Amino acid sequence: KHPGISYADLYTLSGVVAVEEAGGPEIPFQLGRTDMDSGESSPPDGRLPDADKGSLSSTTQHVRDVFYRMGFNDREIVALLGAHALGRCHTDRSGYWGPWTFAENTFSNEYFRLLVEERWSPKMTHNGKPWTGPDQFEDSTGKLMMLPSDMILVQDPEFKKVVEIYAKDEEAFFKDFAKAFSKLLELGVPFAAVAKPWYKFW
C-alpha cells in the first residue's frame, strides 16, 4: 500500500518521531533503507554497547570501541547516550531496574544534570531486600538508576567535559544529538546519488 517507504525506513522513522514527540529536537531524516527477505544479512548480535565490562577502564574502552568503529567521536558518544533521558530498565529484560530520570517520557538534558549534580552510590537494596541484580548505581532517593556505562561519562575526563556542557546547555545537547542520531540512522544506507527530499509524515 505504501511503496514509497520500506519497513526499515518506517521503523527508523518511528525513533525519530518518538524523540520529537517526547520534546526532543527535530531529527534530519530521509528515505532509502531497503528491506531484506531474511535476517541472514543482519550484523551479528553483541555489537551494541554492554552496560558493564567488569571495570571502569574496560567499560570505558568497550563503549569507545563500539562507537569509534562506527565513526563517532567522544562528543557524539556522549550525545547519543543522552537518549537515556527516556525510558527505564526492567529486571525481567536486562536484570537492571529503574528509570534514569523522574520524567522518563520526556526528552531533555535532565540525564546529564543528574549525572553531575546527584550523588550516586552502588545499589545495595531493593524494596527492603538485598539487591541481587547486576551492579548498578542509585541516587539519594533510591528511585533513579545509572548503569556502569553511564557512570563512565563522569569518571572519564574527556567524556565528563561534554557531560558538563550538556548539563548546563540543553540547546547544545539537542543540536549535537540531532546531528549524531541522524548520522547513526544513516550508517550503511545506500542513498541515491540524487538526494531525495526530506519528508515529514506527521
C-alpha atoms as a PDB file:
ATOM      1  CA  LYS A   1       0.000   0.000   0.000  1.00  0.00           C
ATOM      2  CA  HIS A   2       2.910   2.363   0.651  1.00  0.00           C
ATOM      3  CA  PRO A   3       5.719   1.597  -1.827  1.00  0.00           C
ATOM      4  CA  GLY A   4       7.428   4.889  -1.085  1.00  0.00           C
ATOM      5  CA  ILE A   5       8.622   3.713   2.319  1.00  0.00           C
ATOM      6  CA  SER A   6      10.223   0.447   3.432  1.00  0.00           C
ATOM      7  CA  TYR A   7       9.699  -1.217   6.788  1.00  0.00           C
ATOM      8  CA  ALA A   8      13.317  -0.326   7.578  1.00  0.00           C
ATOM      9  CA  ASP A   9      12.546   3.331   6.916  1.00  0.00           C
ATOM     10  CA  LEU A  10       9.320   3.088   8.915  1.00  0.00           C
ATOM     11  CA  TYR A  11      10.978   1.553  11.975  1.00  0.00           C
ATOM     12  CA  THR A  12      13.729   4.162  11.842  1.00  0.00           C
ATOM     13  CA  LEU A  13      11.238   6.982  11.372  1.00  0.00           C
ATOM     14  CA  SER A  14       9.384   5.822  14.480  1.00  0.00           C
ATOM     15  CA  GLY A  15      12.506   6.511  16.540  1.00  0.00           C
ATOM     16  CA  VAL A  16      12.793   9.983  15.055  1.00  0.00           C
ATOM     17  CA  VAL A  17       9.141  10.727  15.790  1.00  0.00           C
ATOM     18  CA  ALA A  18       9.425   9.336  19.333  1.00  0.00           C
ATOM     19  CA  VAL A  19      12.272  11.723  20.176  1.00  0.00           C
ATOM     20  CA  GLU A  20      10.452  14.708  18.712  1.00  0.00           C
ATOM     21  CA  GLU A  21       7.099  13.873  20.334  1.00  0.00           C
ATOM     22  CA  ALA A  22       8.849  13.471  23.700  1.00  0.00           C
ATOM     23  CA  GLY A  23      10.017  17.082  23.483  1.00  0.00           C
ATOM     24  CA  GLY A  24      13.361  16.490  21.819  1.00  0.00           C
ATOM     25  CA  PRO A  25      14.911  18.075  18.733  1.00  0.00           C
ATOM     26  CA  GLU A  26      13.832  17.605  15.140  1.00  0.00           C
ATOM     27  CA  ILE A  27      15.971  14.881  13.575  1.00  0.00           C
ATOM     28  CA  PRO A  28      17.028  15.124   9.910  1.00  0.00           C
ATOM     29  CA  PHE A  29      15.595  12.083   8.136  1.00  0.00           C
ATOM     30  CA  GLN A  30      15.482  10.742   4.613  1.00  0.00           C
ATOM     31  CA  LEU A  31      14.235   7.582   2.949  1.00  0.00           C
ATOM     32  CA  GLY A  32      16.486   4.987   1.351  1.00  0.00           C
ATOM     33  CA  ARG A  33      16.727   1.909   3.588  1.00  0.00           C
ATOM     34  CA  THR A  34      15.840  -1.397   1.951  1.00  0.00           C
ATOM     35  CA  ASP A  35      14.099  -4.439   3.407  1.00  0.00           C
ATOM     36  CA  MET A  36      15.667  -7.900   3.194  1.00  0.00           C
ATOM     37  CA  ASP A  37      13.915 -11.231   2.754  1.00  0.00           C
ATOM     38  CA  SER A  38      15.510 -12.623   5.920  1.00  0.00           C
ATOM     39  CA  GLY A  39      17.845 -11.692   8.752  1.00  0.00           C
ATOM     40  CA  GLU A  40      20.781 -13.563   7.243  1.00  0.00           C
ATOM     41  CA  SER A  41      22.445 -10.336   6.144  1.00  0.00           C
ATOM     42  CA  SER A  42      21.988  -8.629   9.520  1.00  0.00           C
ATOM     43  CA  PRO A  43      25.077  -7.908  11.630  1.00  0.00           C
ATOM     44  CA  PRO A  44      25.674 -10.436  14.425  1.00  0.00           C
ATOM     45  CA  ASP A  45      24.357  -9.764  17.914  1.00  0.00           C
ATOM     46  CA  GLY A  46      26.718  -8.308  20.501  1.00  0.00           C
ATOM     47  CA  ARG A  47      27.763  -5.221  18.548  1.00  0.00           C
ATOM     48  CA  LEU A  48      25.928  -2.740  20.763  1.00  0.00           C
ATOM     49  CA  PRO A  49      27.432  -1.342  23.982  1.00  0.00           C
ATOM     50  CA  ASP A  50      27.189  -3.539  27.066  1.00  0.00           C
ATOM     51  CA  ALA A  51      26.192  -1.922  30.353  1.00  0.00           C
ATOM     52  CA  ASP A  52      29.206  -3.285  32.216  1.00  0.00           C
ATOM     53  CA  LYS A  53      32.504  -4.915  31.312  1.00  0.00           C
ATOM     54  CA  GLY A  54      33.621  -5.513  34.883  1.00  0.00           C
ATOM     55  CA  SER A  55      35.757  -2.434  35.497  1.00  0.00           C
ATOM     56  CA  LEU A  56      35.800   1.292  34.808  1.00  0.00           C
ATOM     57  CA  SER A  57      38.635   1.071  32.300  1.00  0.00           C
ATOM     58  CA  SER A  58      37.197  -1.951  30.464  1.00  0.00           C
ATOM     59  CA  THR A  59      33.711  -0.462  30.239  1.00  0.00           C
ATOM     60  CA  THR A  60      35.061   2.891  29.042  1.00  0.00           C
ATOM     61  CA  GLN A  61      37.210   1.257  26.356  1.00  0.00           C
ATOM     62  CA  HIS A  62      34.337  -1.009  25.298  1.00  0.00           C
ATOM     63  CA  VAL A  63      31.959   1.926  24.771  1.00  0.00           C
ATOM     64  CA  ARG A  64      34.602   3.786  22.772  1.00  0.00           C
ATOM     65  CA  ASP A  65      35.420   0.704  20.697  1.00  0.00           C
ATOM     66  CA  VAL A  66      31.772   0.209  19.743  1.00  0.00           C
ATOM     67  CA  PHE A  67      31.184   3.822  18.711  1.00  0.00           C
ATOM     68  CA  TYR A  68      34.618   4.503  17.222  1.00  0.00           C
ATOM     69  CA  ARG A  69      34.040   1.521  14.914  1.00  0.00           C
ATOM     70  CA  MET A  70      31.008   3.371  13.562  1.00  0.00           C
ATOM     71  CA  GLY A  71      32.899   6.631  13.106  1.00  0.00           C
ATOM     72  CA  PHE A  72      31.721   8.559  16.182  1.00  0.00           C
ATOM     73  CA  ASN A  73      33.911  10.756  18.364  1.00  0.00           C
ATOM     74  CA  ASP A  74      33.714  11.295  22.135  1.00  0.00           C
ATOM     75  CA  ARG A  75      31.318  14.238  21.908  1.00  0.00           C
ATOM     76  CA  GLU A  76      28.956  12.277  19.656  1.00  0.00           C
ATOM     77  CA  ILE A  77      29.133   9.281  22.010  1.00  0.00           C
ATOM     78  CA  VAL A  78      28.061  11.395  24.974  1.00  0.00           C
ATOM     79  CA  ALA A  79      25.273  12.991  22.946  1.00  0.00           C
ATOM     80  CA  LEU A  80      23.879   9.622  21.859  1.00  0.00           C
ATOM     81  CA  LEU A  81      23.996   8.213  25.391  1.00  0.00           C
ATOM     82  CA  GLY A  82      21.862  11.191  26.382  1.00  0.00           C
ATOM     83  CA  ALA A  83      18.940   9.215  24.956  1.00  0.00           C
ATOM     84  CA  HIS A  84      18.886   7.589  28.404  1.00  0.00           C
ATOM     85  CA  ALA A  85      16.761  10.585  29.350  1.00  0.00           C
ATOM     86  CA  LEU A  86      13.978   8.354  28.034  1.00  0.00           C
ATOM     87  CA  GLY A  87      12.748   5.054  29.402  1.00  0.00           C
ATOM     88  CA  ARG A  88      13.867   2.718  32.135  1.00  0.00           C
ATOM     89  CA  CYS A  89      15.443  -0.676  32.753  1.00  0.00           C
ATOM     90  CA  HIS A  90      13.393  -3.760  33.617  1.00  0.00           C
ATOM     91  CA  THR A  91      14.685  -6.649  35.718  1.00  0.00           C
ATOM     92  CA  ASP A  92      12.878  -9.215  33.582  1.00  0.00           C
ATOM     93  CA  ARG A  93      14.689  -7.964  30.480  1.00  0.00           C
ATOM     94  CA  SER A  94      18.189  -6.773  31.326  1.00  0.00           C
ATOM     95  CA  GLY A  95      18.403  -7.555  35.024  1.00  0.00           C
ATOM     96  CA  TYR A  96      18.760  -3.856  35.804  1.00  0.00           C
ATOM     97  CA  TRP A  97      15.989  -1.840  37.429  1.00  0.00           C
ATOM     98  CA  GLY A  98      14.666   1.708  37.281  1.00  0.00           C
ATOM     99  CA  PRO A  99      14.482   4.918  35.255  1.00  0.00           C
ATOM    100  CA  TRP A 100      17.334   7.334  34.660  1.00  0.00           C
ATOM    101  CA  THR A 101      15.202  10.395  35.371  1.00  0.00           C
ATOM    102  CA  PHE A 102      11.906  11.278  37.044  1.00  0.00           C
ATOM    103  CA  ALA A 103      10.472  12.242  33.636  1.00  0.00           C
ATOM    104  CA  GLU A 104      11.118   9.070  31.669  1.00  0.00           C
ATOM    105  CA  ASN A 105       8.755  10.059  28.841  1.00  0.00           C
ATOM    106  CA  THR A 106      10.401  13.441  28.289  1.00  0.00           C
ATOM    107  CA  PHE A 107      13.491  14.051  26.183  1.00  0.00           C
ATOM    108  CA  SER A 108      15.683  16.649  27.893  1.00  0.00           C
ATOM    109  CA  ASN A 109      19.161  17.248  29.322  1.00  0.00           C
ATOM    110  CA  GLU A 110      17.993  16.024  32.751  1.00  0.00           C
ATOM    111  CA  TYR A 111      20.075  12.860  32.403  1.00  0.00           C
ATOM    112  CA  PHE A 112      23.247  14.937  32.258  1.00  0.00           C
ATOM    113  CA  ARG A 113      22.192  17.273  35.054  1.00  0.00           C
ATOM    114  CA  LEU A 114      21.559  14.302  37.326  1.00  0.00           C
ATOM    115  CA  LEU A 115      24.875  12.694  36.423  1.00  0.00           C
ATOM    116  CA  VAL A 116      26.693  15.856  37.509  1.00  0.00           C
ATOM    117  CA  GLU A 117      24.620  17.042  40.466  1.00  0.00           C
ATOM    118  CA  GLU A 118      23.306  13.863  42.090  1.00  0.00           C
ATOM    119  CA  ARG A 119      25.224  11.656  44.496  1.00  0.00           C
ATOM    120  CA  TRP A 120      25.393   8.150  43.007  1.00  0.00           C
ATOM    121  CA  SER A 121      26.220   5.078  45.061  1.00  0.00           C
ATOM    122  CA  PRO A 122      26.161   1.321  44.401  1.00  0.00           C
ATOM    123  CA  LYS A 123      22.677  -0.152  44.728  1.00  0.00           C
ATOM    124  CA  MET A 124      22.555  -2.462  47.750  1.00  0.00           C
ATOM    125  CA  THR A 125      18.833  -2.985  48.412  1.00  0.00           C
ATOM    126  CA  HIS A 126      15.559  -3.113  46.519  1.00  0.00           C
ATOM    127  CA  ASN A 127      12.113  -2.909  48.126  1.00  0.00           C
ATOM    128  CA  GLY A 128      13.648  -3.563  51.525  1.00  0.00           C
ATOM    129  CA  LYS A 129      15.578  -6.645  50.431  1.00  0.00           C
ATOM    130  CA  PRO A 130      19.209  -7.142  49.359  1.00  0.00           C
ATOM    131  CA  TRP A 131      19.767  -6.267  45.706  1.00  0.00           C
ATOM    132  CA  THR A 132      20.696  -9.415  43.808  1.00  0.00           C
ATOM    133  CA  GLY A 133      20.847  -7.962  40.298  1.00  0.00           C
ATOM    134  CA  PRO A 134      23.902  -6.778  38.364  1.00  0.00           C
ATOM    135  CA  ASP A 135      25.975  -3.838  39.565  1.00  0.00           C
ATOM    136  CA  GLN A 136      24.188  -0.527  39.133  1.00  0.00           C
ATOM    137  CA  PHE A 137      24.051   2.819  40.891  1.00  0.00           C
ATOM    138  CA  GLU A 138      21.212   4.718  42.558  1.00  0.00           C
ATOM    139  CA  ASP A 139      20.546   8.297  43.588  1.00  0.00           C
ATOM    140  CA  SER A 140      19.903   9.526  47.125  1.00  0.00           C
ATOM    141  CA  THR A 141      16.194   8.641  46.853  1.00  0.00           C
ATOM    142  CA  GLY A 142      16.823   5.107  45.621  1.00  0.00           C
ATOM    143  CA  LYS A 143      14.313   5.698  42.826  1.00  0.00           C
ATOM    144  CA  LEU A 144      16.698   6.531  39.973  1.00  0.00           C
ATOM    145  CA  MET A 145      19.466   4.440  38.492  1.00  0.00           C
ATOM    146  CA  MET A 146      22.619   4.663  36.429  1.00  0.00           C
ATOM    147  CA  LEU A 147      24.443   1.825  34.714  1.00  0.00           C
ATOM    148  CA  PRO A 148      28.216   1.411  34.920  1.00  0.00           C
ATOM    149  CA  SER A 149      28.290   2.564  31.284  1.00  0.00           C
ATOM    150  CA  ASP A 150      26.521   5.759  32.377  1.00  0.00           C
ATOM    151  CA  MET A 151      28.922   6.422  35.224  1.00  0.00           C
ATOM    152  CA  ILE A 152      31.943   6.328  32.927  1.00  0.00           C
ATOM    153  CA  LEU A 153      30.660   9.596  31.456  1.00  0.00           C
ATOM    154  CA  VAL A 154      31.568  11.448  34.652  1.00  0.00           C
ATOM    155  CA  GLN A 155      34.588   9.311  35.507  1.00  0.00           C
ATOM    156  CA  ASP A 156      36.403   9.685  32.191  1.00  0.00           C
ATOM    157  CA  PRO A 157      37.879  13.217  31.869  1.00  0.00           C
ATOM    158  CA  GLU A 158      37.109  13.656  28.159  1.00  0.00           C
ATOM    159  CA  PHE A 159      33.541  12.390  28.454  1.00  0.00           C
ATOM    160  CA  LYS A 160      32.964  14.487  31.573  1.00  0.00           C
ATOM    161  CA  LYS A 161      33.838  17.732  29.773  1.00  0.00           C
ATOM    162  CA  VAL A 162      30.956  17.127  27.360  1.00  0.00           C
ATOM    163  CA  VAL A 163      28.556  15.993  30.097  1.00  0.00           C
ATOM    164  CA  GLU A 164      29.131  19.262  31.952  1.00  0.00           C
ATOM    165  CA  ILE A 165      28.364  21.259  28.804  1.00  0.00           C
ATOM    166  CA  TYR A 166      25.106  19.413  28.188  1.00  0.00           C
ATOM    167  CA  ALA A 167      24.080  19.599  31.861  1.00  0.00           C
ATOM    168  CA  LYS A 168      24.083  23.388  31.579  1.00  0.00           C
ATOM    169  CA  ASP A 169      23.018  23.833  27.961  1.00  0.00           C
ATOM    170  CA  GLU A 170      20.075  21.789  26.681  1.00  0.00           C
ATOM    171  CA  GLU A 171      20.167  23.564  23.329  1.00  0.00           C
ATOM    172  CA  ALA A 172      23.744  22.389  22.752  1.00  0.00           C
ATOM    173  CA  PHE A 173      22.742  18.823  23.648  1.00  0.00           C
ATOM    174  CA  PHE A 174      19.719  18.883  21.332  1.00  0.00           C
ATOM    175  CA  LYS A 175      21.778  20.232  18.437  1.00  0.00           C
ATOM    176  CA  ASP A 176      24.517  17.631  18.861  1.00  0.00           C
ATOM    177  CA  PHE A 177      22.084  14.777  19.473  1.00  0.00           C
ATOM    178  CA  ALA A 178      20.057  15.539  16.339  1.00  0.00           C
ATOM    179  CA  LYS A 179      23.192  15.502  14.212  1.00  0.00           C
ATOM    180  CA  ALA A 180      24.666  12.355  15.803  1.00  0.00           C
ATOM    181  CA  PHE A 181      21.380  10.426  15.792  1.00  0.00           C
ATOM    182  CA  SER A 182      20.777  11.250  12.138  1.00  0.00           C
ATOM    183  CA  LYS A 183      24.311  10.068  11.371  1.00  0.00           C
ATOM    184  CA  LEU A 184      23.656   6.831  13.261  1.00  0.00           C
ATOM    185  CA  LEU A 185      20.422   6.182  11.367  1.00  0.00           C
ATOM    186  CA  GLU A 186      22.133   6.691   8.011  1.00  0.00           C
ATOM    187  CA  LEU A 187      25.093   4.350   8.554  1.00  0.00           C
ATOM    188  CA  GLY A 188      25.351   1.907   5.685  1.00  0.00           C
ATOM    189  CA  VAL A 189      22.326   3.269   3.833  1.00  0.00           C
ATOM    190  CA  PRO A 190      22.918   3.439   0.049  1.00  0.00           C
ATOM    191  CA  PHE A 191      21.105   6.698  -0.587  1.00  0.00           C
ATOM    192  CA  ALA A 192      20.564   7.578  -4.227  1.00  0.00           C
ATOM    193  CA  ALA A 193      23.134   9.836  -5.863  1.00  0.00           C
ATOM    194  CA  VAL A 194      20.477  12.490  -6.219  1.00  0.00           C
ATOM    195  CA  ALA A 195      19.299  13.156  -2.694  1.00  0.00           C
ATOM    196  CA  LYS A 196      15.611  12.602  -2.081  1.00  0.00           C
ATOM    197  CA  PRO A 197      13.705  15.383  -0.408  1.00  0.00           C
ATOM    198  CA  TRP A 198      13.317  15.367   3.352  1.00  0.00           C
ATOM    199  CA  TYR A 199       9.961  14.047   4.424  1.00  0.00           C
ATOM    200  CA  LYS A 200       7.509  14.693   7.211  1.00  0.00           C
ATOM    201  CA  PHE A 201       4.869  12.004   7.611  1.00  0.00           C
ATOM    202  CA  TRP A 202       3.022  13.597  10.502  1.00  0.00           C
END
